[in-house]
Amino acid sequence: MTTVTPTTLPAARSHRPVPTRRISFEASLQNLPKHFAGEGDLIMSHLVASMSSVFPDGEDFFVRSVRHYRDQITDPELKEQVRGFIGQEAMHGREHRALNDRLDQLGYPAKRIERFTRWGLRTRERFLPPASNLASTAALEHYTATLAEVLLSDPEARREVGSPEVLELLLWHALEECEHKAVAFDVYRAVGGTERMRVVTMNVTTIGFIGGMTIQAVLSVLADRDTYRRGNLLRSLRRIPRSPFLRRWVWRRLRDYNRPDFHPDDHDTDALLEQWRTDLFGADGRLNDKLTGAA
């Protein structure tokens, strides 16, 4: 098994800001309609709701997995990025809990999924070593960064999300996922994570993540009374093959993680980040009114 233990980040990966933006979407979510995605898209609404439901406790798991190794990081740039990673993920968890509270009011099983996710991750941590948890975090960060890139780069993906209230939250989340996409990976390598564990963990994660999300969404759809209203489900099913999130390049990007010399920065998103930092938080940024401070 190959162990990689760099002492410093390559120059191209250093000096990368990972800012913690204090922000709140709670007020804007209060008028969210039930089927918020697209033009009332049933399945997409449940898929987004299912994803949001696992985020709060998933983000907490990511923070614990990286924080466990924080004292072993000697590279000052990576230490600073870890600090930003922890701050960003904590804010993501808080704001998705606010969204999940509203989804729960609308009849989605968001809080039940939150509790199940919390139990599952705590059980995982009880039986698996910290290195495995960090490997899982790095793998899942590749998933979230890839989906974030789809959202930020494809107008059709943004139209598919629909509701401005949810879209704004997801755009902020996507921006920050791309900002810190390499942090957990770099920590894993810096503390001696093996290539074998990295790849095996990704393969197991792929089965669990896709399978789990599918099951959750299906059960959620089946529990929705609107599913059984004439034409609703069929119209939604017809949209699935055209989804930008299911394009071939997305799957290829996800599987690229298994390449022996892979690094998250192999897929350059710097121009995309600059565009969306300006759009969301520049002088006339659309989310500046939601900022409550910065760290």
C-alpha atoms as a PDB file:
ATOM      1  CA  MET A   1       0.000   0.000   0.000  1.00  0.00           C
ATOM      2  CA  THR A   2       1.270   3.458  -0.895  1.00  0.00           C
ATOM      3  CA  THR A   3       1.429   6.069   1.828  1.00  0.00           C
ATOM      4  CA  VAL A   4       1.798   9.734   0.880  1.00  0.00           C
ATOM      5  CA  THR A   5       3.027  12.177   3.509  1.00  0.00           C
ATOM      6  CA  PRO A   6       3.722  15.618   2.041  1.00  0.00           C
ATOM      7  CA  THR A   7       4.952  18.245   4.476  1.00  0.00           C
ATOM      8  CA  THR A   8       3.775  21.248   2.475  1.00  0.00           C
ATOM      9  CA  LEU A   9       1.103  21.995  -0.086  1.00  0.00           C
ATOM     10  CA  PRO A  10       2.192  22.486  -3.708  1.00  0.00           C
ATOM     11  CA  ALA A  11       2.290  26.165  -4.625  1.00  0.00           C
ATOM     12  CA  ALA A  12      -0.781  25.859  -6.865  1.00  0.00           C
ATOM     13  CA  ARG A  13      -2.819  24.665  -3.898  1.00  0.00           C
ATOM     14  CA  SER A  14      -1.553  27.147  -1.338  1.00  0.00           C
ATOM     15  CA  HIS A  15      -2.804  30.668  -0.638  1.00  0.00           C
ATOM     16  CA  ARG A  16      -6.335  29.522  -1.409  1.00  0.00           C
ATOM     17  CA  PRO A  17      -8.876  31.356   0.748  1.00  0.00           C
ATOM     18  CA  VAL A  18     -11.535  29.301   2.511  1.00  0.00           C
ATOM     19  CA  PRO A  19     -13.555  32.054   4.223  1.00  0.00           C
ATOM     20  CA  THR A  20     -16.303  31.450   6.762  1.00  0.00           C
ATOM     21  CA  ARG A  21     -19.272  33.582   5.769  1.00  0.00           C
ATOM     22  CA  ARG A  22     -21.830  34.168   8.501  1.00  0.00           C
ATOM     23  CA  ILE A  23     -25.141  34.038   6.656  1.00  0.00           C
ATOM     24  CA  SER A  24     -28.799  33.297   7.300  1.00  0.00           C
ATOM     25  CA  PHE A  25     -31.498  32.063   4.914  1.00  0.00           C
ATOM     26  CA  GLU A  26     -34.090  31.266   7.583  1.00  0.00           C
ATOM     27  CA  ALA A  27     -36.371  34.240   6.950  1.00  0.00           C
ATOM     28  CA  SER A  28     -36.468  33.737   3.177  1.00  0.00           C
ATOM     29  CA  LEU A  29     -37.407  30.065   3.553  1.00  0.00           C
ATOM     30  CA  GLN A  30     -40.642  30.683   5.434  1.00  0.00           C
ATOM     31  CA  ASN A  31     -42.730  31.103   2.268  1.00  0.00           C
ATOM     32  CA  LEU A  32     -41.240  28.129   0.442  1.00  0.00           C
ATOM     33  CA  PRO A  33     -43.928  26.177  -1.480  1.00  0.00           C
ATOM     34  CA  LYS A  34     -44.135  22.409  -1.110  1.00  0.00           C
ATOM     35  CA  HIS A  35     -43.014  21.395  -4.612  1.00  0.00           C
ATOM     36  CA  PHE A  36     -40.401  24.072  -5.079  1.00  0.00           C
ATOM     37  CA  ALA A  37     -38.210  22.508  -7.774  1.00  0.00           C
ATOM     38  CA  GLY A  38     -38.566  23.426 -11.427  1.00  0.00           C
ATOM     39  CA  GLU A  39     -42.185  24.125 -12.257  1.00  0.00           C
ATOM     40  CA  GLY A  40     -43.555  22.139  -9.352  1.00  0.00           C
ATOM     41  CA  ASP A  41     -41.425  19.075 -10.189  1.00  0.00           C
ATOM     42  CA  LEU A  42     -42.456  16.329  -7.773  1.00  0.00           C
ATOM     43  CA  ILE A  43     -39.405  14.040  -7.881  1.00  0.00           C
ATOM     44  CA  MET A  44     -36.777  16.797  -8.021  1.00  0.00           C
ATOM     45  CA  SER A  45     -38.348  18.473  -5.000  1.00  0.00           C
ATOM     46  CA  HIS A  46     -38.084  15.234  -3.039  1.00  0.00           C
ATOM     47  CA  LEU A  47     -34.520  14.608  -4.230  1.00  0.00           C
ATOM     48  CA  VAL A  48     -33.353  18.051  -3.102  1.00  0.00           C
ATOM     49  CA  ALA A  49     -35.219  17.617   0.188  1.00  0.00           C
ATOM     50  CA  SER A  50     -33.585  14.225   0.743  1.00  0.00           C
ATOM     51  CA  MET A  51     -30.145  15.662   0.054  1.00  0.00           C
ATOM     52  CA  SER A  52     -30.732  18.555   2.421  1.00  0.00           C
ATOM     53  CA  SER A  53     -31.915  16.153   5.109  1.00  0.00           C
ATOM     54  CA  VAL A  54     -28.541  14.371   5.297  1.00  0.00           C
ATOM     55  CA  PHE A  55     -26.426  17.524   5.137  1.00  0.00           C
ATOM     56  CA  PRO A  56     -26.548  18.808   8.742  1.00  0.00           C
ATOM     57  CA  ASP A  57     -25.273  15.653  10.395  1.00  0.00           C
ATOM     58  CA  GLY A  58     -23.129  14.822   7.391  1.00  0.00           C
ATOM     59  CA  GLU A  59     -21.382  18.191   7.720  1.00  0.00           C
ATOM     60  CA  ASP A  60     -20.897  17.599  11.454  1.00  0.00           C
ATOM     61  CA  PHE A  61     -19.299  14.235  10.607  1.00  0.00           C
ATOM     62  CA  PHE A  62     -16.956  15.918   8.116  1.00  0.00           C
ATOM     63  CA  VAL A  63     -15.898  18.446  10.739  1.00  0.00           C
ATOM     64  CA  ARG A  64     -15.195  15.770  13.344  1.00  0.00           C
ATOM     65  CA  SER A  65     -13.247  13.661  10.841  1.00  0.00           C
ATOM     66  CA  VAL A  66     -10.959  16.532   9.823  1.00  0.00           C
ATOM     67  CA  ARG A  67     -10.679  18.089  13.289  1.00  0.00           C
ATOM     68  CA  HIS A  68      -9.388  14.786  14.669  1.00  0.00           C
ATOM     69  CA  TYR A  69      -6.175  15.332  12.682  1.00  0.00           C
ATOM     70  CA  ARG A  70      -5.879  19.098  12.990  1.00  0.00           C
ATOM     71  CA  ASP A  71      -2.990  18.953  15.485  1.00  0.00           C
ATOM     72  CA  GLN A  72      -0.998  16.717  13.139  1.00  0.00           C
ATOM     73  CA  ILE A  73      -0.997  19.265  10.303  1.00  0.00           C
ATOM     74  CA  THR A  74       2.289  21.158  10.112  1.00  0.00           C
ATOM     75  CA  ASP A  75       1.821  23.058   6.852  1.00  0.00           C
ATOM     76  CA  PRO A  76       0.574  26.564   7.805  1.00  0.00           C
ATOM     77  CA  GLU A  77      -1.474  27.007   4.628  1.00  0.00           C
ATOM     78  CA  LEU A  78      -3.278  23.718   5.133  1.00  0.00           C
ATOM     79  CA  LYS A  79      -3.867  24.523   8.813  1.00  0.00           C
ATOM     80  CA  GLU A  80      -5.545  27.777   7.767  1.00  0.00           C
ATOM     81  CA  GLN A  81      -7.642  25.967   5.162  1.00  0.00           C
ATOM     82  CA  VAL A  82      -8.723  23.429   7.791  1.00  0.00           C
ATOM     83  CA  ARG A  83      -9.909  26.295   9.978  1.00  0.00           C
ATOM     84  CA  GLY A  84     -11.952  27.662   7.084  1.00  0.00           C
ATOM     85  CA  PHE A  85     -13.265  24.202   6.209  1.00  0.00           C
ATOM     86  CA  ILE A  86     -14.573  23.706   9.746  1.00  0.00           C
ATOM     87  CA  GLY A  87     -16.210  27.133   9.744  1.00  0.00           C
ATOM     88  CA  GLN A  88     -17.842  26.674   6.347  1.00  0.00           C
ATOM     89  CA  GLU A  89     -19.166  23.186   7.120  1.00  0.00           C
ATOM     90  CA  ALA A  90     -20.588  24.334  10.450  1.00  0.00           C
ATOM     91  CA  MET A  91     -22.518  27.088   8.661  1.00  0.00           C
ATOM     92  CA  HIS A  92     -23.755  24.650   6.001  1.00  0.00           C
ATOM     93  CA  GLY A  93     -25.137  22.384   8.706  1.00  0.00           C
ATOM     94  CA  ARG A  94     -26.895  25.269  10.442  1.00  0.00           C
ATOM     95  CA  GLU A  95     -28.554  26.621   7.312  1.00  0.00           C
ATOM     96  CA  HIS A  96     -29.644  23.208   6.052  1.00  0.00           C
ATOM     97  CA  ARG A  97     -31.245  22.573   9.444  1.00  0.00           C
ATOM     98  CA  ALA A  98     -33.251  25.752   8.880  1.00  0.00           C
ATOM     99  CA  LEU A  99     -34.294  24.471   5.451  1.00  0.00           C
ATOM    100  CA  ASN A 100     -35.124  21.062   6.903  1.00  0.00           C
ATOM    101  CA  ASP A 101     -37.335  22.668   9.545  1.00  0.00           C
ATOM    102  CA  ARG A 102     -39.359  24.271   6.741  1.00  0.00           C
ATOM    103  CA  LEU A 103     -39.395  21.039   4.707  1.00  0.00           C
ATOM    104  CA  ASP A 104     -40.695  19.209   7.751  1.00  0.00           C
ATOM    105  CA  GLN A 105     -43.549  21.732   8.024  1.00  0.00           C
ATOM    106  CA  LEU A 106     -44.372  21.035   4.373  1.00  0.00           C
ATOM    107  CA  GLY A 107     -44.663  17.303   5.006  1.00  0.00           C
ATOM    108  CA  TYR A 108     -41.240  16.018   3.955  1.00  0.00           C
ATOM    109  CA  PRO A 109     -39.596  13.408   6.240  1.00  0.00           C
ATOM    110  CA  ALA A 110     -36.600  15.720   6.683  1.00  0.00           C
ATOM    111  CA  LYS A 111     -36.273  15.496  10.457  1.00  0.00           C
ATOM    112  CA  ARG A 112     -36.671  11.715  10.473  1.00  0.00           C
ATOM    113  CA  ILE A 113     -33.889  11.432   7.896  1.00  0.00           C
ATOM    114  CA  GLU A 114     -31.757  13.779   9.993  1.00  0.00           C
ATOM    115  CA  ARG A 115     -32.134  11.512  13.031  1.00  0.00           C
ATOM    116  CA  PHE A 116     -31.386   8.367  11.009  1.00  0.00           C
ATOM    117  CA  THR A 117     -28.314   9.997   9.463  1.00  0.00           C
ATOM    118  CA  ARG A 118     -27.056  11.070  12.888  1.00  0.00           C
ATOM    119  CA  TRP A 119     -27.444   7.540  14.228  1.00  0.00           C
ATOM    120  CA  GLY A 120     -25.759   5.974  11.193  1.00  0.00           C
ATOM    121  CA  LEU A 121     -22.720   8.253  11.276  1.00  0.00           C
ATOM    122  CA  ARG A 122     -22.256   7.944  15.028  1.00  0.00           C
ATOM    123  CA  THR A 123     -22.429   4.163  14.663  1.00  0.00           C
ATOM    124  CA  ARG A 124     -19.831   4.331  11.900  1.00  0.00           C
ATOM    125  CA  GLU A 125     -17.481   6.330  14.096  1.00  0.00           C
ATOM    126  CA  ARG A 126     -17.929   3.845  16.925  1.00  0.00           C
ATOM    127  CA  PHE A 127     -16.695   0.890  14.883  1.00  0.00           C
ATOM    128  CA  LEU A 128     -14.345   2.322  12.231  1.00  0.00           C
ATOM    129  CA  PRO A 129     -10.984   4.063  12.741  1.00  0.00           C
ATOM    130  CA  PRO A 130     -10.490   7.828  12.278  1.00  0.00           C
ATOM    131  CA  ALA A 131      -8.517   7.265   9.059  1.00  0.00           C
ATOM    132  CA  SER A 132     -11.525   5.524   7.515  1.00  0.00           C
ATOM    133  CA  ASN A 133     -13.805   8.388   8.553  1.00  0.00           C
ATOM    134  CA  LEU A 134     -11.420  10.897   6.998  1.00  0.00           C
ATOM    135  CA  ALA A 135     -11.284   8.826   3.803  1.00  0.00           C
ATOM    136  CA  SER A 136     -15.083   8.811   3.713  1.00  0.00           C
ATOM    137  CA  THR A 137     -15.128  12.575   4.189  1.00  0.00           C
ATOM    138  CA  ALA A 138     -12.690  13.089   1.295  1.00  0.00           C
ATOM    139  CA  ALA A 139     -14.795  10.822  -0.946  1.00  0.00           C
ATOM    140  CA  LEU A 140     -18.072  12.542  -0.101  1.00  0.00           C
ATOM    141  CA  GLU A 141     -16.458  15.944  -0.573  1.00  0.00           C
ATOM    142  CA  HIS A 142     -15.672  14.865  -4.131  1.00  0.00           C
ATOM    143  CA  TYR A 143     -19.362  14.081  -4.635  1.00  0.00           C
ATOM    144  CA  THR A 144     -20.549  17.410  -3.249  1.00  0.00           C
ATOM    145  CA  ALA A 145     -17.908  19.368  -5.174  1.00  0.00           C
ATOM    146  CA  THR A 146     -18.858  17.649  -8.434  1.00  0.00           C
ATOM    147  CA  LEU A 147     -22.571  18.339  -7.943  1.00  0.00           C
ATOM    148  CA  ALA A 148     -21.690  21.898  -6.917  1.00  0.00           C
ATOM    149  CA  GLU A 149     -19.784  22.395 -10.161  1.00  0.00           C
ATOM    150  CA  VAL A 150     -22.816  21.221 -12.157  1.00  0.00           C
ATOM    151  CA  LEU A 151     -25.029  23.721 -10.353  1.00  0.00           C
ATOM    152  CA  LEU A 152     -22.619  26.628 -10.755  1.00  0.00           C
ATOM    153  CA  SER A 153     -21.775  25.966 -14.405  1.00  0.00           C
ATOM    154  CA  ASP A 154     -25.127  24.910 -15.910  1.00  0.00           C
ATOM    155  CA  PRO A 155     -28.119  27.287 -16.107  1.00  0.00           C
ATOM    156  CA  GLU A 156     -30.375  24.292 -16.759  1.00  0.00           C
ATOM    157  CA  ALA A 157     -29.330  22.791 -13.418  1.00  0.00           C
ATOM    158  CA  ARG A 158     -30.238  26.033 -11.671  1.00  0.00           C
ATOM    159  CA  ARG A 159     -33.629  26.089 -13.400  1.00  0.00           C
ATOM    160  CA  GLU A 160     -34.151  22.511 -12.242  1.00  0.00           C
ATOM    161  CA  VAL A 161     -33.726  23.577  -8.610  1.00  0.00           C
ATOM    162  CA  GLY A 162     -36.441  26.160  -9.192  1.00  0.00           C
ATOM    163  CA  SER A 163     -37.359  28.131  -6.088  1.00  0.00           C
ATOM    164  CA  PRO A 164     -35.159  31.242  -5.631  1.00  0.00           C
ATOM    165  CA  GLU A 165     -35.153  30.624  -1.867  1.00  0.00           C
ATOM    166  CA  VAL A 166     -33.646  27.148  -2.156  1.00  0.00           C
ATOM    167  CA  LEU A 167     -31.482  28.067  -5.141  1.00  0.00           C
ATOM    168  CA  GLU A 168     -29.761  30.889  -3.262  1.00  0.00           C
ATOM    169  CA  LEU A 169     -28.936  28.574  -0.364  1.00  0.00           C
ATOM    170  CA  LEU A 170     -27.599  25.901  -2.722  1.00  0.00           C
ATOM    171  CA  LEU A 171     -25.522  28.393  -4.736  1.00  0.00           C
ATOM    172  CA  TRP A 172     -23.826  29.603  -1.543  1.00  0.00           C
ATOM    173  CA  HIS A 173     -23.285  26.011  -0.458  1.00  0.00           C
ATOM    174  CA  ALA A 174     -21.955  25.064  -3.901  1.00  0.00           C
ATOM    175  CA  LEU A 175     -19.515  27.977  -3.980  1.00  0.00           C
ATOM    176  CA  GLU A 176     -18.040  26.976  -0.646  1.00  0.00           C
ATOM    177  CA  GLU A 177     -17.906  23.288  -1.540  1.00  0.00           C
ATOM    178  CA  CYS A 178     -15.723  24.232  -4.498  1.00  0.00           C
ATOM    179  CA  GLU A 179     -13.613  26.534  -2.320  1.00  0.00           C
ATOM    180  CA  HIS A 180     -12.744  23.765   0.143  1.00  0.00           C
ATOM    181  CA  LYS A 181     -13.012  20.733  -2.164  1.00  0.00           C
ATOM    182  CA  ALA A 182      -9.380  19.685  -1.624  1.00  0.00           C
ATOM    183  CA  VAL A 183      -9.048  20.271   2.126  1.00  0.00           C
ATOM    184  CA  ALA A 184     -10.156  16.876   3.483  1.00  0.00           C
ATOM    185  CA  PHE A 185      -8.212  15.172   0.666  1.00  0.00           C
ATOM    186  CA  ASP A 186      -5.030  17.089   1.488  1.00  0.00           C
ATOM    187  CA  VAL A 187      -5.402  16.340   5.197  1.00  0.00           C
ATOM    188  CA  TYR A 188      -5.869  12.647   4.380  1.00  0.00           C
ATOM    189  CA  ARG A 189      -2.656  12.562   2.372  1.00  0.00           C
ATOM    190  CA  ALA A 190      -0.734  14.729   4.838  1.00  0.00           C
ATOM    191  CA  VAL A 191      -1.417  12.332   7.731  1.00  0.00           C
ATOM    192  CA  GLY A 192      -0.433   9.244   5.749  1.00  0.00           C
ATOM    193  CA  GLY A 193      -3.707   7.974   4.333  1.00  0.00           C
ATOM    194  CA  THR A 194      -3.186   5.025   1.997  1.00  0.00           C
ATOM    195  CA  GLU A 195      -4.233   4.897  -1.641  1.00  0.00           C
ATOM    196  CA  ARG A 196      -5.909   1.554  -1.121  1.00  0.00           C
ATOM    197  CA  MET A 197      -8.171   2.866   1.643  1.00  0.00           C
ATOM    198  CA  ARG A 198      -8.926   5.996  -0.395  1.00  0.00           C
ATOM    199  CA  VAL A 199     -10.124   4.044  -3.457  1.00  0.00           C
ATOM    200  CA  VAL A 200     -11.941   1.291  -1.556  1.00  0.00           C
ATOM    201  CA  THR A 201     -13.735   3.902   0.540  1.00  0.00           C
ATOM    202  CA  MET A 202     -14.868   5.745  -2.584  1.00  0.00           C
ATOM    203  CA  ASN A 203     -16.264   2.546  -4.104  1.00  0.00           C
ATOM    204  CA  VAL A 204     -18.191   1.720  -0.942  1.00  0.00           C
ATOM    205  CA  THR A 205     -19.323   5.334  -0.643  1.00  0.00           C
ATOM    206  CA  THR A 206     -20.635   5.327  -4.223  1.00  0.00           C
ATOM    207  CA  ILE A 207     -22.892   2.369  -3.479  1.00  0.00           C
ATOM    208  CA  GLY A 208     -24.059   3.793  -0.159  1.00  0.00           C
ATOM    209  CA  PHE A 209     -24.534   7.377  -1.311  1.00  0.00           C
ATOM    210  CA  ILE A 210     -26.409   6.683  -4.541  1.00  0.00           C
ATOM    211  CA  GLY A 211     -28.376   3.791  -3.047  1.00  0.00           C
ATOM    212  CA  GLY A 212     -29.255   5.695   0.106  1.00  0.00           C
ATOM    213  CA  MET A 213     -30.340   8.839  -1.714  1.00  0.00           C
ATOM    214  CA  THR A 214     -32.465   6.809  -4.129  1.00  0.00           C
ATOM    215  CA  ILE A 215     -34.238   4.889  -1.370  1.00  0.00           C
ATOM    216  CA  GLN A 216     -34.877   8.015   0.666  1.00  0.00           C
ATOM    217  CA  ALA A 217     -36.282   9.901  -2.307  1.00  0.00           C
ATOM    218  CA  VAL A 218     -38.501   7.004  -3.419  1.00  0.00           C
ATOM    219  CA  LEU A 219     -39.978   6.559   0.061  1.00  0.00           C
ATOM    220  CA  SER A 220     -40.505  10.303   0.352  1.00  0.00           C
ATOM    221  CA  VAL A 221     -42.275  10.462  -3.028  1.00  0.00           C
ATOM    222  CA  LEU A 222     -44.497   7.494  -2.164  1.00  0.00           C
ATOM    223  CA  ALA A 223     -45.578   9.188   1.067  1.00  0.00           C
ATOM    224  CA  ASP A 224     -46.643  12.363  -0.760  1.00  0.00           C
ATOM    225  CA  ARG A 225     -50.364  12.493  -1.579  1.00  0.00           C
ATOM    226  CA  ASP A 226     -49.662  14.633  -4.623  1.00  0.00           C
ATOM    227  CA  THR A 227     -47.832  11.676  -6.169  1.00  0.00           C
ATOM    228  CA  TYR A 228     -51.179  10.008  -6.776  1.00  0.00           C
ATOM    229  CA  ARG A 229     -52.809  12.950  -8.496  1.00  0.00           C
ATOM    230  CA  ARG A 230     -53.259  12.275 -12.175  1.00  0.00           C
ATOM    231  CA  GLY A 231     -50.221  13.028 -14.303  1.00  0.00           C
ATOM    232  CA  ASN A 232     -47.945  14.352 -11.520  1.00  0.00           C
ATOM    233  CA  LEU A 233     -45.610  11.386 -11.242  1.00  0.00           C
ATOM    234  CA  LEU A 234     -45.454  10.674 -14.991  1.00  0.00           C
ATOM    235  CA  ARG A 235     -44.555  14.271 -15.854  1.00  0.00           C
ATOM    236  CA  SER A 236     -41.788  14.213 -13.285  1.00  0.00           C
ATOM    237  CA  LEU A 237     -40.428  10.841 -14.407  1.00  0.00           C
ATOM    238  CA  ARG A 238     -40.144  12.097 -17.983  1.00  0.00           C
ATOM    239  CA  ARG A 239     -37.809  14.880 -16.873  1.00  0.00           C
ATOM    240  CA  ILE A 240     -35.281  12.595 -15.157  1.00  0.00           C
ATOM    241  CA  PRO A 241     -33.306  11.459 -18.264  1.00  0.00           C
ATOM    242  CA  ARG A 242     -32.784  15.106 -19.252  1.00  0.00           C
ATOM    243  CA  SER A 243     -31.377  16.174 -15.891  1.00  0.00           C
ATOM    244  CA  PRO A 244     -27.990  17.936 -16.135  1.00  0.00           C
ATOM    245  CA  PHE A 245     -26.985  16.140 -12.945  1.00  0.00           C
ATOM    246  CA  LEU A 246     -27.152  12.810 -14.812  1.00  0.00           C
ATOM    247  CA  ARG A 247     -24.960  13.667 -17.771  1.00  0.00           C
ATOM    248  CA  ARG A 248     -22.115  11.319 -18.671  1.00  0.00           C
ATOM    249  CA  TRP A 249     -19.349  13.758 -17.798  1.00  0.00           C
ATOM    250  CA  VAL A 250     -20.678  13.954 -14.228  1.00  0.00           C
ATOM    251  CA  TRP A 251     -20.296  10.205 -13.763  1.00  0.00           C
ATOM    252  CA  ARG A 252     -16.844  10.280 -15.378  1.00  0.00           C
ATOM    253  CA  ARG A 253     -15.813  13.090 -13.043  1.00  0.00           C
ATOM    254  CA  LEU A 254     -17.007  11.156 -10.006  1.00  0.00           C
ATOM    255  CA  ARG A 255     -15.168   7.984 -11.054  1.00  0.00           C
ATOM    256  CA  ASP A 256     -11.993   9.933 -11.808  1.00  0.00           C
ATOM    257  CA  TYR A 257     -11.413   9.902  -8.041  1.00  0.00           C
ATOM    258  CA  ASN A 258     -10.122   6.329  -8.387  1.00  0.00           C
ATOM    259  CA  ARG A 259      -7.266   7.387 -10.665  1.00  0.00           C
ATOM    260  CA  PRO A 260      -3.921   6.711  -8.894  1.00  0.00           C
ATOM    261  CA  ASP A 261      -2.601  10.269  -9.274  1.00  0.00           C
ATOM    262  CA  PHE A 262      -5.955  11.990  -8.705  1.00  0.00           C
ATOM    263  CA  HIS A 263      -6.252  15.276  -6.855  1.00  0.00           C
ATOM    264  CA  PRO A 264      -9.436  17.417  -6.571  1.00  0.00           C
ATOM    265  CA  ASP A 265      -7.590  20.372  -8.111  1.00  0.00           C
ATOM    266  CA  ASP A 266      -7.068  18.424 -11.334  1.00  0.00           C
ATOM    267  CA  HIS A 267     -10.443  19.890 -12.304  1.00  0.00           C
ATOM    268  CA  ASP A 268      -9.856  23.637 -12.341  1.00  0.00           C
ATOM    269  CA  THR A 269     -12.780  25.640 -10.996  1.00  0.00           C
ATOM    270  CA  ASP A 270     -10.896  28.870 -10.204  1.00  0.00           C
ATOM    271  CA  ALA A 271     -12.659  30.911 -12.913  1.00  0.00           C
ATOM    272  CA  LEU A 272     -16.031  29.544 -11.819  1.00  0.00           C
ATOM    273  CA  LEU A 273     -15.247  30.461  -8.214  1.00  0.00           C
ATOM    274  CA  GLU A 274     -14.256  33.981  -9.139  1.00  0.00           C
ATOM    275  CA  GLN A 275     -17.458  34.435 -11.146  1.00  0.00           C
ATOM    276  CA  TRP A 276     -19.715  33.285  -8.315  1.00  0.00           C
ATOM    277  CA  ARG A 277     -17.833  35.053  -5.526  1.00  0.00           C
ATOM    278  CA  THR A 278     -18.489  38.270  -7.429  1.00  0.00           C
ATOM    279  CA  ASP A 279     -22.095  37.395  -8.275  1.00  0.00           C
ATOM    280  CA  LEU A 280     -23.019  36.352  -4.744  1.00  0.00           C
ATOM    281  CA  PHE A 281     -20.753  38.448  -2.522  1.00  0.00           C
ATOM    282  CA  GLY A 282     -19.166  41.179  -4.656  1.00  0.00           C
ATOM    283  CA  ALA A 283     -19.978  44.868  -4.334  1.00  0.00           C
ATOM    284  CA  ASP A 284     -23.486  44.230  -5.687  1.00  0.00           C
ATOM    285  CA  GLY A 285     -23.684  40.581  -4.624  1.00  0.00           C
ATOM    286  CA  ARG A 286     -27.152  39.072  -4.545  1.00  0.00           C
ATOM    287  CA  LEU A 287     -26.585  37.458  -1.114  1.00  0.00           C
ATOM    288  CA  ASN A 288     -24.969  40.393   0.676  1.00  0.00           C
ATOM    289  CA  ASP A 289     -28.256  41.174   2.417  1.00  0.00           C
ATOM    290  CA  LYS A 290     -28.157  37.724   4.035  1.00  0.00           C
ATOM    291  CA  LEU A 291     -24.668  38.077   5.469  1.00  0.00           C
ATOM    292  CA  THR A 292     -24.533  38.537   9.225  1.00  0.00           C
ATOM    293  CA  GLY A 293     -20.732  38.721   9.494  1.00  0.00           C
ATOM    294  CA  ALA A 294     -17.542  36.945   8.473  1.00  0.00           C
ATOM    295  CA  ALA A 295     -14.707  35.122  10.187  1.00  0.00           C
END
